[in-house]
């Protein structure tokens, strides 16, 4: 089972690293898609510093958070799609594993 995690951001350089690290630390790998609304505070540079560890990065103006989420959903290729906001993080490395077990 493939899981996609979408993170939307706008000027969240101060918190997005924790979100990214929490996805990368999961025991079940996920396709991580980040949709940036055109940040000007270094968010995009922070995200791009992860290179290929982030499956897809989109940075362009949008029409708000739900438009950004929908962009991410359209890009997702996972069987299960989740949203992790740029100022949130998974508190346990088995969160996605537990989610996947519900769908198996």
N, C-alpha and C. Protein backbone atom coordinates (compact mmCIF):
# COMPACT_ATOMS: atom_id res chain seq x y z
N UNK A 1 0.84 -1.17 0.00
CA UNK A 1 0.00 0.00 0.00
C UNK A 1 0.89 1.24 0.00
N UNK A 2 0.52 2.18 -0.84
CA UNK A 2 1.27 3.43 -0.94
C UNK A 2 0.47 4.55 -0.27
N UNK A 3 1.17 5.33 0.54
CA UNK A 3 0.54 6.47 1.21
C UNK A 3 1.18 7.76 0.70
N UNK A 4 0.33 8.72 0.39
CA UNK A 4 0.78 10.06 0.00
C UNK A 4 0.45 11.01 1.14
N UNK A 5 1.40 11.87 1.47
CA UNK A 5 1.19 12.90 2.48
C UNK A 5 1.38 14.25 1.80
N UNK A 6 0.39 15.10 1.93
CA UNK A 6 0.44 16.42 1.32
C UNK A 6 0.64 17.46 2.42
N UNK A 7 1.60 18.33 2.21
CA UNK A 7 1.83 19.45 3.12
C UNK A 7 1.72 20.72 2.31
N UNK A 8 0.85 21.62 2.75
CA UNK A 8 0.72 22.92 2.10
C UNK A 8 1.38 23.96 3.00
N UNK A 9 1.97 24.97 2.36
CA UNK A 9 2.72 25.95 3.14
C UNK A 9 2.66 27.32 2.48
N UNK A 10 2.74 28.32 3.31
CA UNK A 10 2.96 29.70 2.87
C UNK A 10 3.71 30.38 4.00
N UNK A 11 4.97 30.68 3.72
CA UNK A 11 5.83 31.35 4.71
C UNK A 11 5.86 30.60 6.04
N UNK A 12 6.23 29.33 5.97
CA UNK A 12 6.31 28.48 7.17
C UNK A 12 7.73 27.94 7.38
N UNK A 13 8.72 28.72 7.03
CA UNK A 13 10.11 28.30 7.20
C UNK A 13 10.40 27.92 8.65
N UNK A 14 9.69 28.54 9.58
CA UNK A 14 9.92 28.30 10.99
C UNK A 14 9.41 26.95 11.49
N UNK A 15 8.51 26.30 10.73
CA UNK A 15 7.92 25.04 11.22
C UNK A 15 7.98 23.87 10.25
N UNK A 16 8.20 24.14 8.98
CA UNK A 16 8.05 23.05 7.99
C UNK A 16 9.11 21.96 8.14
N UNK A 17 10.26 22.30 8.67
CA UNK A 17 11.30 21.27 8.86
C UNK A 17 10.79 20.14 9.77
N UNK A 18 10.09 20.48 10.84
CA UNK A 18 9.54 19.46 11.74
C UNK A 18 8.53 18.58 11.01
N UNK A 19 7.71 19.17 10.16
CA UNK A 19 6.74 18.39 9.39
C UNK A 19 7.47 17.42 8.46
N UNK A 20 8.45 17.91 7.75
CA UNK A 20 9.20 17.07 6.80
C UNK A 20 9.92 15.95 7.54
N UNK A 21 10.61 16.29 8.60
CA UNK A 21 11.36 15.28 9.36
C UNK A 21 10.43 14.21 9.93
N UNK A 22 9.23 14.60 10.34
CA UNK A 22 8.32 13.60 10.89
C UNK A 22 7.82 12.64 9.83
N UNK A 23 7.67 13.11 8.59
CA UNK A 23 7.29 12.21 7.49
C UNK A 23 8.46 11.30 7.15
N UNK A 24 9.65 11.86 7.08
CA UNK A 24 10.83 11.06 6.75
C UNK A 24 11.15 10.02 7.81
N UNK A 25 10.75 10.25 9.05
CA UNK A 25 11.07 9.31 10.13
C UNK A 25 10.07 8.17 10.23
N UNK A 26 9.04 8.17 9.42
CA UNK A 26 8.04 7.11 9.49
C UNK A 26 8.63 5.76 9.08
N UNK A 27 8.19 4.70 9.76
CA UNK A 27 8.66 3.35 9.43
C UNK A 27 8.10 2.88 8.09
N UNK A 28 6.98 3.43 7.68
CA UNK A 28 6.40 3.15 6.37
C UNK A 28 6.66 4.36 5.49
N UNK A 29 7.50 4.23 4.46
CA UNK A 29 7.80 5.37 3.61
C UNK A 29 6.54 5.92 2.94
N UNK A 30 6.54 7.21 2.70
CA UNK A 30 5.38 7.86 2.07
C UNK A 30 5.85 8.77 0.95
N UNK A 31 4.97 8.96 0.00
CA UNK A 31 5.17 9.96 -1.04
C UNK A 31 4.82 11.31 -0.40
N UNK A 32 5.81 12.18 -0.25
CA UNK A 32 5.56 13.48 0.38
C UNK A 32 5.50 14.55 -0.70
N UNK A 33 4.37 15.21 -0.78
CA UNK A 33 4.14 16.27 -1.76
C UNK A 33 3.99 17.58 -0.99
N UNK A 34 4.76 18.58 -1.37
CA UNK A 34 4.67 19.88 -0.73
C UNK A 34 4.19 20.90 -1.74
N UNK A 35 3.13 21.60 -1.37
CA UNK A 35 2.57 22.65 -2.22
C UNK A 35 2.76 23.97 -1.49
N UNK A 36 3.59 24.81 -2.07
CA UNK A 36 3.94 26.10 -1.49
C UNK A 36 3.22 27.20 -2.27
N UNK A 37 2.62 28.12 -1.56
CA UNK A 37 1.85 29.18 -2.20
C UNK A 37 2.65 30.38 -2.66
N UNK A 38 3.96 30.24 -2.74
CA UNK A 38 4.80 31.35 -3.17
C UNK A 38 5.47 32.04 -1.99
N UNK A 39 6.00 31.27 -1.09
CA UNK A 39 6.61 31.81 0.12
C UNK A 39 7.77 32.75 -0.19
N UNK A 40 7.98 33.71 0.71
CA UNK A 40 9.08 34.66 0.55
C UNK A 40 10.02 34.67 1.76
N UNK A 41 9.88 33.68 2.64
CA UNK A 41 10.66 33.67 3.88
C UNK A 41 11.72 32.57 3.95
N UNK A 42 11.98 31.91 2.85
CA UNK A 42 12.95 30.82 2.85
C UNK A 42 12.34 29.43 2.94
N UNK A 43 11.02 29.35 2.98
CA UNK A 43 10.34 28.04 3.05
C UNK A 43 10.75 27.16 1.88
N UNK A 44 10.67 27.71 0.68
CA UNK A 44 10.95 26.91 -0.51
C UNK A 44 12.40 26.42 -0.52
N UNK A 45 13.32 27.26 -0.10
CA UNK A 45 14.73 26.85 -0.05
C UNK A 45 14.91 25.72 0.96
N UNK A 46 14.22 25.82 2.08
CA UNK A 46 14.27 24.77 3.11
C UNK A 46 13.77 23.45 2.53
N UNK A 47 12.62 23.51 1.87
CA UNK A 47 12.03 22.31 1.27
C UNK A 47 12.96 21.72 0.23
N UNK A 48 13.48 22.55 -0.64
CA UNK A 48 14.34 22.05 -1.72
C UNK A 48 15.65 21.49 -1.20
N UNK A 49 16.06 21.87 0.00
CA UNK A 49 17.30 21.33 0.56
C UNK A 49 17.19 19.83 0.82
N UNK A 50 15.98 19.30 0.86
CA UNK A 50 15.77 17.86 1.06
C UNK A 50 15.90 17.07 -0.24
N UNK A 51 16.01 17.75 -1.35
CA UNK A 51 16.22 17.09 -2.63
C UNK A 51 15.18 16.03 -2.93
N UNK A 52 15.62 14.86 -3.33
CA UNK A 52 14.73 13.78 -3.77
C UNK A 52 13.98 13.10 -2.63
N UNK A 53 14.27 13.48 -1.39
CA UNK A 53 13.52 12.92 -0.27
C UNK A 53 12.06 13.40 -0.29
N UNK A 54 11.83 14.52 -0.96
CA UNK A 54 10.47 15.03 -1.16
C UNK A 54 10.06 14.62 -2.57
N UNK A 55 8.95 13.91 -2.69
CA UNK A 55 8.55 13.37 -3.99
C UNK A 55 8.24 14.47 -5.00
N UNK A 56 7.49 15.47 -4.58
CA UNK A 56 7.13 16.55 -5.49
C UNK A 56 7.03 17.85 -4.71
N UNK A 57 7.47 18.92 -5.36
CA UNK A 57 7.37 20.25 -4.79
C UNK A 57 6.75 21.16 -5.84
N UNK A 58 5.69 21.84 -5.45
CA UNK A 58 5.03 22.81 -6.32
C UNK A 58 5.08 24.14 -5.59
N UNK A 59 5.50 25.18 -6.29
CA UNK A 59 5.49 26.52 -5.70
C UNK A 59 4.90 27.48 -6.70
N UNK A 60 3.71 27.94 -6.38
CA UNK A 60 3.01 28.89 -7.24
C UNK A 60 1.86 29.50 -6.45
N UNK A 61 1.41 30.67 -6.84
CA UNK A 61 0.27 31.26 -6.15
C UNK A 61 -0.95 30.34 -6.22
N UNK A 62 -1.76 30.38 -5.18
CA UNK A 62 -2.99 29.60 -5.18
C UNK A 62 -4.12 30.47 -4.66
N UNK A 63 -5.27 29.87 -4.54
CA UNK A 63 -6.46 30.59 -4.08
C UNK A 63 -6.82 30.16 -2.66
N UNK A 64 -5.80 29.97 -1.83
CA UNK A 64 -6.04 29.60 -0.44
C UNK A 64 -5.65 28.17 -0.14
N UNK A 65 -5.77 27.82 1.13
CA UNK A 65 -5.30 26.53 1.62
C UNK A 65 -6.00 25.35 0.94
N UNK A 66 -7.29 25.47 0.69
CA UNK A 66 -8.01 24.33 0.10
C UNK A 66 -7.67 24.15 -1.37
N UNK A 67 -7.40 25.23 -2.07
CA UNK A 67 -6.92 25.13 -3.44
C UNK A 67 -5.57 24.42 -3.45
N UNK A 68 -4.69 24.79 -2.52
CA UNK A 68 -3.38 24.15 -2.43
C UNK A 68 -3.51 22.67 -2.10
N UNK A 69 -4.39 22.33 -1.16
CA UNK A 69 -4.60 20.92 -0.83
C UNK A 69 -5.10 20.14 -2.04
N UNK A 70 -6.02 20.72 -2.78
CA UNK A 70 -6.54 20.05 -3.98
C UNK A 70 -5.46 19.86 -5.03
N UNK A 71 -4.55 20.81 -5.17
CA UNK A 71 -3.41 20.63 -6.09
C UNK A 71 -2.60 19.40 -5.67
N UNK A 72 -2.34 19.29 -4.38
CA UNK A 72 -1.59 18.14 -3.88
C UNK A 72 -2.31 16.84 -4.10
N UNK A 73 -3.61 16.84 -3.86
CA UNK A 73 -4.41 15.61 -4.07
C UNK A 73 -4.35 15.18 -5.53
N UNK A 74 -4.41 16.13 -6.44
CA UNK A 74 -4.33 15.78 -7.87
C UNK A 74 -2.98 15.17 -8.24
N UNK A 75 -1.93 15.55 -7.53
CA UNK A 75 -0.59 15.01 -7.81
C UNK A 75 -0.33 13.67 -7.13
N UNK A 76 -1.07 13.38 -6.10
CA UNK A 76 -0.83 12.18 -5.29
C UNK A 76 -1.08 10.89 -6.07
N UNK A 77 -0.22 9.92 -5.82
CA UNK A 77 -0.37 8.61 -6.47
C UNK A 77 -0.61 7.49 -5.45
N UNK A 78 -0.78 7.85 -4.20
CA UNK A 78 -0.97 6.85 -3.16
C UNK A 78 -2.36 6.27 -3.13
N UNK A 79 -2.48 5.10 -2.52
CA UNK A 79 -3.78 4.48 -2.29
C UNK A 79 -4.54 5.22 -1.20
N UNK A 80 -3.79 5.81 -0.28
CA UNK A 80 -4.34 6.60 0.82
C UNK A 80 -3.64 7.96 0.78
N UNK A 81 -4.42 9.02 0.93
CA UNK A 81 -3.86 10.38 0.90
C UNK A 81 -4.18 11.06 2.22
N UNK A 82 -3.16 11.62 2.83
CA UNK A 82 -3.34 12.36 4.07
C UNK A 82 -2.79 13.76 3.95
N UNK A 83 -3.27 14.63 4.82
CA UNK A 83 -2.82 16.02 4.86
C UNK A 83 -2.07 16.24 6.18
N UNK A 84 -0.88 16.80 6.09
CA UNK A 84 -0.11 17.19 7.27
C UNK A 84 0.26 18.65 7.08
N UNK A 85 -0.35 19.51 7.88
CA UNK A 85 -0.08 20.94 7.74
C UNK A 85 1.38 21.26 8.04
N UNK A 86 1.85 22.38 7.52
CA UNK A 86 3.26 22.76 7.64
C UNK A 86 3.67 23.08 9.06
N UNK A 87 2.71 23.30 9.95
CA UNK A 87 3.06 23.56 11.34
C UNK A 87 2.67 22.39 12.26
N UNK A 88 2.45 21.23 11.65
CA UNK A 88 2.15 20.01 12.39
C UNK A 88 3.24 18.98 12.16
N UNK A 89 3.20 17.90 12.93
CA UNK A 89 4.15 16.81 12.72
C UNK A 89 3.58 15.54 13.33
N UNK A 90 4.05 14.39 12.82
CA UNK A 90 3.67 13.11 13.39
C UNK A 90 4.50 12.91 14.66
N UNK A 91 3.84 12.57 15.75
CA UNK A 91 4.53 12.43 17.03
C UNK A 91 5.15 11.06 17.25
N UNK A 92 4.84 10.12 16.36
CA UNK A 92 5.32 8.76 16.52
C UNK A 92 5.73 8.24 15.14
N UNK A 93 6.82 7.51 15.03
CA UNK A 93 7.27 7.04 13.72
C UNK A 93 6.42 5.91 13.12
N UNK A 94 5.41 5.43 13.82
CA UNK A 94 4.57 4.36 13.27
C UNK A 94 3.17 4.85 12.89
N UNK A 95 2.96 6.14 12.83
CA UNK A 95 1.64 6.67 12.51
C UNK A 95 1.15 6.15 11.16
N UNK A 96 1.96 6.25 10.13
CA UNK A 96 1.52 5.81 8.80
C UNK A 96 1.38 4.29 8.72
N UNK A 97 2.20 3.58 9.46
CA UNK A 97 2.06 2.12 9.52
C UNK A 97 0.71 1.74 10.11
N UNK A 98 0.30 2.43 11.15
CA UNK A 98 -1.01 2.19 11.78
C UNK A 98 -2.14 2.54 10.81
N UNK A 99 -2.00 3.64 10.10
CA UNK A 99 -3.01 4.02 9.11
C UNK A 99 -3.14 2.94 8.05
N UNK A 100 -2.01 2.48 7.54
CA UNK A 100 -2.03 1.45 6.50
C UNK A 100 -2.70 0.17 6.99
N UNK A 101 -2.49 -0.18 8.24
CA UNK A 101 -3.08 -1.42 8.76
C UNK A 101 -4.60 -1.37 8.77
N UNK A 102 -5.16 -0.20 8.87
CA UNK A 102 -6.62 -0.05 8.85
C UNK A 102 -7.17 -0.40 7.46
N UNK A 103 -6.40 -0.15 6.43
CA UNK A 103 -6.87 -0.35 5.06
C UNK A 103 -6.49 -1.70 4.47
N UNK A 104 -5.72 -2.48 5.19
CA UNK A 104 -5.30 -3.78 4.63
C UNK A 104 -6.33 -4.86 4.90
